[in-house]
């Protein structure tokens, strides 16, 4: 069975970046709060593809060109 394009990690991450790239201009605390709200659907889709929370966070940060960091750690 093949995976639909909309369910691939690359597509999910492209949509995530498009929906959240404007947040990079915000102050870190504001951006983090909004990113948590806007990013949750994409995080859930990545989890549905079999990724654990740490991997999802790393993929989402990398999609924005940000360094990975442990989940729960302050920026």
N, C-alpha and C. Protein backbone atom coordinates (compact mmCIF):
# COMPACT_ATOMS: atom_id res chain seq x y z
N UNK A 1 0.86 -1.18 0.00
CA UNK A 1 0.00 0.00 0.00
C UNK A 1 0.90 1.24 0.00
N UNK A 2 0.64 2.17 -0.89
CA UNK A 2 1.44 3.39 -0.95
C UNK A 2 0.82 4.48 -0.07
N UNK A 3 1.68 5.36 0.40
CA UNK A 3 1.24 6.45 1.26
C UNK A 3 0.84 7.65 0.40
N UNK A 4 -0.26 8.28 0.74
CA UNK A 4 -0.69 9.47 0.01
C UNK A 4 0.33 10.58 0.24
N UNK A 5 0.56 11.40 -0.76
CA UNK A 5 1.52 12.49 -0.67
C UNK A 5 1.25 13.37 0.54
N UNK A 6 -0.02 13.68 0.83
CA UNK A 6 -0.37 14.56 1.93
C UNK A 6 -0.01 13.97 3.29
N UNK A 7 0.27 12.68 3.34
CA UNK A 7 0.61 12.02 4.60
C UNK A 7 2.11 11.78 4.76
N UNK A 8 2.91 12.22 3.81
CA UNK A 8 4.36 12.02 3.92
C UNK A 8 4.95 13.06 4.86
N UNK A 9 6.05 12.70 5.49
CA UNK A 9 6.72 13.62 6.40
C UNK A 9 7.09 14.92 5.70
N UNK A 10 7.63 14.82 4.49
CA UNK A 10 8.06 16.02 3.77
C UNK A 10 6.89 16.97 3.52
N UNK A 11 5.77 16.44 3.10
CA UNK A 11 4.60 17.27 2.83
C UNK A 11 4.08 17.91 4.12
N UNK A 12 4.01 17.12 5.19
CA UNK A 12 3.55 17.64 6.48
C UNK A 12 4.46 18.77 6.94
N UNK A 13 5.76 18.58 6.80
CA UNK A 13 6.71 19.61 7.24
C UNK A 13 6.65 20.85 6.35
N UNK A 14 6.43 20.69 5.05
CA UNK A 14 6.27 21.85 4.17
C UNK A 14 5.04 22.66 4.59
N UNK A 15 3.95 21.99 4.89
CA UNK A 15 2.73 22.67 5.32
C UNK A 15 2.95 23.35 6.67
N UNK A 16 3.67 22.69 7.57
CA UNK A 16 3.98 23.25 8.88
C UNK A 16 4.78 24.55 8.73
N UNK A 17 5.80 24.53 7.91
CA UNK A 17 6.63 25.73 7.71
C UNK A 17 5.79 26.85 7.11
N UNK A 18 4.97 26.54 6.13
CA UNK A 18 4.12 27.57 5.50
C UNK A 18 3.17 28.19 6.52
N UNK A 19 2.66 27.39 7.44
CA UNK A 19 1.69 27.88 8.42
C UNK A 19 2.34 28.62 9.58
N UNK A 20 3.64 28.41 9.80
CA UNK A 20 4.26 28.97 11.00
C UNK A 20 5.47 29.87 10.75
N UNK A 21 5.89 30.05 9.51
CA UNK A 21 7.12 30.81 9.26
C UNK A 21 7.02 32.25 9.77
N UNK A 22 5.83 32.83 9.79
CA UNK A 22 5.68 34.20 10.28
C UNK A 22 6.00 34.32 11.77
N UNK A 23 5.95 33.21 12.50
CA UNK A 23 6.20 33.25 13.94
C UNK A 23 7.67 33.47 14.28
N UNK A 24 8.56 33.22 13.34
CA UNK A 24 9.99 33.40 13.60
C UNK A 24 10.33 34.87 13.84
N UNK A 25 9.46 35.78 13.44
CA UNK A 25 9.69 37.20 13.66
C UNK A 25 9.25 37.65 15.06
N UNK A 26 8.51 36.79 15.77
CA UNK A 26 8.02 37.13 17.11
C UNK A 26 9.13 36.97 18.14
N UNK A 27 8.91 37.54 19.31
CA UNK A 27 9.80 37.31 20.44
C UNK A 27 9.70 35.83 20.81
N UNK A 28 10.79 35.24 21.32
CA UNK A 28 10.79 33.79 21.59
C UNK A 28 9.61 33.28 22.41
N UNK A 29 9.24 33.95 23.48
CA UNK A 29 8.14 33.46 24.33
C UNK A 29 6.82 33.47 23.55
N UNK A 30 6.58 34.53 22.79
CA UNK A 30 5.36 34.62 21.99
C UNK A 30 5.37 33.57 20.88
N UNK A 31 6.51 33.43 20.22
CA UNK A 31 6.62 32.47 19.12
C UNK A 31 6.40 31.05 19.63
N UNK A 32 6.96 30.75 20.78
CA UNK A 32 6.83 29.39 21.33
C UNK A 32 5.37 29.07 21.65
N UNK A 33 4.68 30.02 22.22
CA UNK A 33 3.27 29.83 22.58
C UNK A 33 2.42 29.61 21.32
N UNK A 34 2.61 30.45 20.33
CA UNK A 34 1.84 30.34 19.08
C UNK A 34 2.24 29.09 18.29
N UNK A 35 3.53 28.76 18.32
CA UNK A 35 4.01 27.58 17.61
C UNK A 35 3.37 26.33 18.19
N UNK A 36 3.20 26.31 19.51
CA UNK A 36 2.57 25.15 20.15
C UNK A 36 1.13 25.00 19.67
N UNK A 37 0.44 26.11 19.52
CA UNK A 37 -0.95 26.06 19.06
C UNK A 37 -1.05 25.68 17.58
N UNK A 38 -0.31 26.39 16.75
CA UNK A 38 -0.39 26.16 15.31
C UNK A 38 0.28 24.86 14.89
N UNK A 39 1.29 24.46 15.63
CA UNK A 39 2.07 23.28 15.24
C UNK A 39 1.47 21.95 15.67
N UNK A 40 0.54 21.98 16.61
CA UNK A 40 0.00 20.72 17.15
C UNK A 40 -0.59 19.78 16.09
N UNK A 41 -1.38 20.27 15.14
CA UNK A 41 -1.91 19.34 14.13
C UNK A 41 -0.80 18.64 13.31
N UNK A 42 0.28 19.36 13.04
CA UNK A 42 1.38 18.80 12.28
C UNK A 42 2.17 17.80 13.13
N UNK A 43 2.33 18.11 14.39
CA UNK A 43 2.98 17.18 15.32
C UNK A 43 2.20 15.87 15.39
N UNK A 44 0.89 15.97 15.49
CA UNK A 44 0.04 14.77 15.55
C UNK A 44 0.14 13.95 14.26
N UNK A 45 0.22 14.63 13.12
CA UNK A 45 0.36 13.91 11.85
C UNK A 45 1.70 13.17 11.78
N UNK A 46 2.76 13.82 12.27
CA UNK A 46 4.07 13.16 12.29
C UNK A 46 4.05 11.97 13.25
N UNK A 47 3.39 12.13 14.39
CA UNK A 47 3.27 11.02 15.33
C UNK A 47 2.49 9.87 14.68
N UNK A 48 1.46 10.20 13.93
CA UNK A 48 0.68 9.17 13.25
C UNK A 48 1.52 8.40 12.23
N UNK A 49 2.59 9.04 11.75
CA UNK A 49 3.51 8.38 10.82
C UNK A 49 4.53 7.52 11.56
N UNK A 50 4.43 7.46 12.89
CA UNK A 50 5.29 6.57 13.64
C UNK A 50 6.46 7.21 14.36
N UNK A 51 6.53 8.54 14.37
CA UNK A 51 7.65 9.21 15.04
C UNK A 51 7.33 9.47 16.51
N UNK A 52 8.36 9.39 17.35
CA UNK A 52 8.16 9.73 18.76
C UNK A 52 8.22 11.26 18.90
N UNK A 53 7.88 11.75 20.08
CA UNK A 53 7.78 13.19 20.31
C UNK A 53 9.11 13.90 20.03
N UNK A 54 10.22 13.33 20.48
CA UNK A 54 11.53 13.95 20.27
C UNK A 54 11.84 14.08 18.78
N UNK A 55 11.58 13.04 18.03
CA UNK A 55 11.84 13.07 16.59
C UNK A 55 10.95 14.10 15.90
N UNK A 56 9.68 14.17 16.31
CA UNK A 56 8.78 15.19 15.75
C UNK A 56 9.32 16.59 16.00
N UNK A 57 9.73 16.85 17.24
CA UNK A 57 10.27 18.17 17.58
C UNK A 57 11.52 18.47 16.77
N UNK A 58 12.39 17.49 16.63
CA UNK A 58 13.62 17.68 15.84
C UNK A 58 13.29 17.96 14.37
N UNK A 59 12.35 17.21 13.81
CA UNK A 59 11.97 17.42 12.41
C UNK A 59 11.37 18.81 12.20
N UNK A 60 10.52 19.22 13.12
CA UNK A 60 9.85 20.51 12.99
C UNK A 60 10.84 21.66 13.15
N UNK A 61 11.77 21.53 14.08
CA UNK A 61 12.79 22.57 14.24
C UNK A 61 13.70 22.61 13.01
N UNK A 62 14.11 21.44 12.53
CA UNK A 62 14.98 21.38 11.35
C UNK A 62 14.29 21.96 10.13
N UNK A 63 12.99 21.77 10.02
CA UNK A 63 12.24 22.30 8.87
C UNK A 63 12.33 23.83 8.82
N UNK A 64 12.48 24.46 9.98
CA UNK A 64 12.64 25.91 10.05
C UNK A 64 14.12 26.31 10.07
N UNK A 65 15.01 25.33 9.99
CA UNK A 65 16.44 25.61 10.00
C UNK A 65 16.97 25.92 11.39
N UNK A 66 16.25 25.49 12.42
CA UNK A 66 16.66 25.72 13.79
C UNK A 66 17.38 24.50 14.33
N UNK A 67 18.32 24.71 15.25
CA UNK A 67 19.01 23.55 15.84
C UNK A 67 18.06 22.74 16.71
N UNK A 68 18.29 21.43 16.75
CA UNK A 68 17.47 20.58 17.59
C UNK A 68 17.86 20.79 19.05
N UNK A 69 16.90 20.58 19.92
CA UNK A 69 17.16 20.66 21.35
C UNK A 69 16.25 19.67 22.05
N UNK A 70 16.61 19.25 23.21
CA UNK A 70 15.75 18.30 23.94
C UNK A 70 14.38 18.90 24.22
N UNK A 71 13.35 18.09 24.10
CA UNK A 71 11.99 18.52 24.39
C UNK A 71 11.92 18.95 25.84
N UNK A 72 11.22 20.06 26.10
CA UNK A 72 11.06 20.56 27.46
C UNK A 72 12.15 21.50 27.93
N UNK A 73 13.17 21.69 27.13
CA UNK A 73 14.27 22.59 27.50
C UNK A 73 13.99 23.98 26.93
N UNK A 74 14.36 24.99 27.67
CA UNK A 74 14.16 26.37 27.23
C UNK A 74 15.11 26.68 26.07
N UNK A 75 14.69 27.60 25.24
CA UNK A 75 15.51 27.98 24.07
C UNK A 75 16.72 28.77 24.49
